[in-house]
């Protein structure tokens, strides 16, 4: 009985790990990229020089001022998403970042217009 229970639990854990492997990889990458004791070089990012060359800069987000920054640069997935938004919506870098943040807020259950959670059980007081 104990052996079969252990095998069932191991199978469930293995299935959950397999199904969530991408989420786990992103969480681990995010945790290691921001951990203060780990080196900041390498990784899956777009360097500040590449960001500038690809037009991912503006007066409000001056990439040239980031050259001494210890971080590796922009997150590659975010840079790709911003570039896609710039092309499809024909907007500049700042507007594309704004659209991305609004989309991220929506995906995380936050109303981008009010900044309040969209959870129907939310109770607020005036």
Protein backbone atom coordinates (compact mmCIF):
# COMPACT_ATOMS: atom_id res chain seq x y z
CA UNK A 1 0.00 0.00 0.00
CA UNK A 2 2.77 2.47 0.92
CA UNK A 3 4.73 1.73 -2.27
CA UNK A 4 1.73 2.31 -4.53
CA UNK A 5 0.88 5.55 -2.71
CA UNK A 6 4.46 6.75 -3.14
CA UNK A 7 4.35 5.92 -6.86
CA UNK A 8 1.06 7.79 -7.29
CA UNK A 9 2.42 10.86 -5.51
CA UNK A 10 5.64 10.72 -7.57
CA UNK A 11 3.60 10.47 -10.78
CA UNK A 12 1.46 13.46 -9.79
CA UNK A 13 4.51 15.55 -8.88
CA UNK A 14 6.26 14.59 -12.13
CA UNK A 15 3.16 15.50 -14.15
CA UNK A 16 2.80 18.87 -12.42
CA UNK A 17 6.48 19.67 -12.93
CA UNK A 18 6.29 18.71 -16.61
CA UNK A 19 3.12 20.72 -17.26
CA UNK A 20 4.54 23.81 -15.53
CA UNK A 21 8.14 23.53 -16.76
CA UNK A 22 8.08 26.80 -18.74
CA UNK A 23 6.61 28.73 -15.84
CA UNK A 24 9.22 27.23 -13.51
CA UNK A 25 12.01 28.13 -15.96
CA UNK A 26 10.78 31.74 -16.14
CA UNK A 27 10.53 31.96 -12.35
CA UNK A 28 14.03 30.56 -11.89
CA UNK A 29 15.45 32.86 -14.57
CA UNK A 30 13.75 35.86 -12.99
CA UNK A 31 14.93 34.93 -9.50
CA UNK A 32 18.53 34.38 -10.57
CA UNK A 33 18.60 37.56 -12.69
CA UNK A 34 17.57 39.74 -9.76
CA UNK A 35 19.41 37.96 -6.96
CA UNK A 36 21.99 40.37 -5.47
CA UNK A 37 24.66 37.72 -4.92
CA UNK A 38 24.63 36.27 -8.44
CA UNK A 39 26.61 37.77 -11.34
CA UNK A 40 24.65 39.93 -13.78
CA UNK A 41 26.52 39.01 -16.98
CA UNK A 42 25.15 36.64 -19.59
CA UNK A 43 21.57 35.52 -19.65
CA UNK A 44 18.71 35.99 -22.04
CA UNK A 45 18.70 39.71 -22.65
CA UNK A 46 19.24 42.46 -25.18
CA UNK A 47 22.33 44.54 -24.45
CA UNK A 48 21.95 48.29 -24.06
CA UNK A 49 23.91 48.81 -27.32
CA UNK A 50 21.59 46.42 -29.20
CA UNK A 51 18.54 48.13 -27.70
CA UNK A 52 19.78 51.51 -28.93
CA UNK A 53 20.53 50.07 -32.39
CA UNK A 54 17.02 48.58 -32.62
CA UNK A 55 15.29 51.83 -31.68
CA UNK A 56 14.38 50.77 -28.15
CA UNK A 57 15.18 54.14 -26.65
CA UNK A 58 13.50 57.51 -26.20
CA UNK A 59 13.86 60.80 -24.35
CA UNK A 60 12.08 59.23 -21.35
CA UNK A 61 14.15 56.02 -21.46
CA UNK A 62 17.65 57.03 -22.50
CA UNK A 63 19.61 53.86 -23.13
CA UNK A 64 22.91 55.75 -23.35
CA UNK A 65 22.62 56.56 -19.63
CA UNK A 66 22.37 52.85 -18.85
CA UNK A 67 25.82 51.89 -20.21
CA UNK A 68 27.31 51.67 -16.70
CA UNK A 69 24.31 49.68 -15.48
CA UNK A 70 25.34 46.26 -14.12
CA UNK A 71 22.23 44.58 -15.49
CA UNK A 72 22.55 42.75 -18.80
CA UNK A 73 20.07 44.98 -20.62
CA UNK A 74 16.47 44.56 -21.61
CA UNK A 75 14.67 41.25 -21.23
CA UNK A 76 14.69 39.61 -24.69
CA UNK A 77 11.02 38.59 -24.58
CA UNK A 78 9.94 42.06 -23.50
CA UNK A 79 12.13 43.70 -26.15
CA UNK A 80 10.57 41.45 -28.81
CA UNK A 81 7.07 42.28 -27.58
CA UNK A 82 7.79 46.03 -27.59
CA UNK A 83 9.24 45.78 -31.10
CA UNK A 84 6.14 43.87 -32.26
CA UNK A 85 3.85 46.50 -30.72
CA UNK A 86 5.84 49.29 -32.39
CA UNK A 87 5.43 47.64 -35.80
CA UNK A 88 1.81 46.52 -35.59
CA UNK A 89 0.42 49.67 -33.95
CA UNK A 90 2.84 52.08 -35.68
CA UNK A 91 3.77 53.72 -32.37
CA UNK A 92 7.02 54.90 -30.84
CA UNK A 93 8.98 53.18 -28.07
CA UNK A 94 7.28 55.00 -25.19
CA UNK A 95 3.77 54.28 -26.48
CA UNK A 96 4.68 50.61 -27.04
CA UNK A 97 5.97 50.35 -23.45
CA UNK A 98 2.73 51.97 -22.26
CA UNK A 99 0.62 49.48 -24.24
CA UNK A 100 2.70 46.59 -22.88
CA UNK A 101 2.24 47.71 -19.27
CA UNK A 102 -1.52 48.10 -19.77
CA UNK A 103 -1.67 44.60 -21.26
CA UNK A 104 0.35 43.16 -18.37
CA UNK A 105 -1.98 44.87 -15.89
CA UNK A 106 -5.02 43.37 -17.65
CA UNK A 107 -3.44 39.89 -17.62
CA UNK A 108 -2.72 40.23 -13.91
CA UNK A 109 -6.29 41.19 -13.04
CA UNK A 110 -5.77 44.94 -12.69
CA UNK A 111 -7.91 47.55 -14.45
CA UNK A 112 -5.39 49.66 -16.40
CA UNK A 113 -7.59 52.76 -16.19
CA UNK A 114 -8.11 52.77 -12.42
CA UNK A 115 -5.25 50.61 -11.15
CA UNK A 116 -7.74 48.63 -9.05
CA UNK A 117 -8.05 44.84 -9.08
CA UNK A 118 -10.83 43.49 -11.29
CA UNK A 119 -11.69 40.86 -8.68
CA UNK A 120 -15.48 41.03 -8.15
CA UNK A 121 -15.02 40.40 -4.44
CA UNK A 122 -13.01 43.62 -4.04
CA UNK A 123 -14.39 45.99 -1.41
CA UNK A 124 -13.25 49.62 -1.39
CA UNK A 125 -14.10 52.49 0.93
CA UNK A 126 -14.27 56.16 0.03
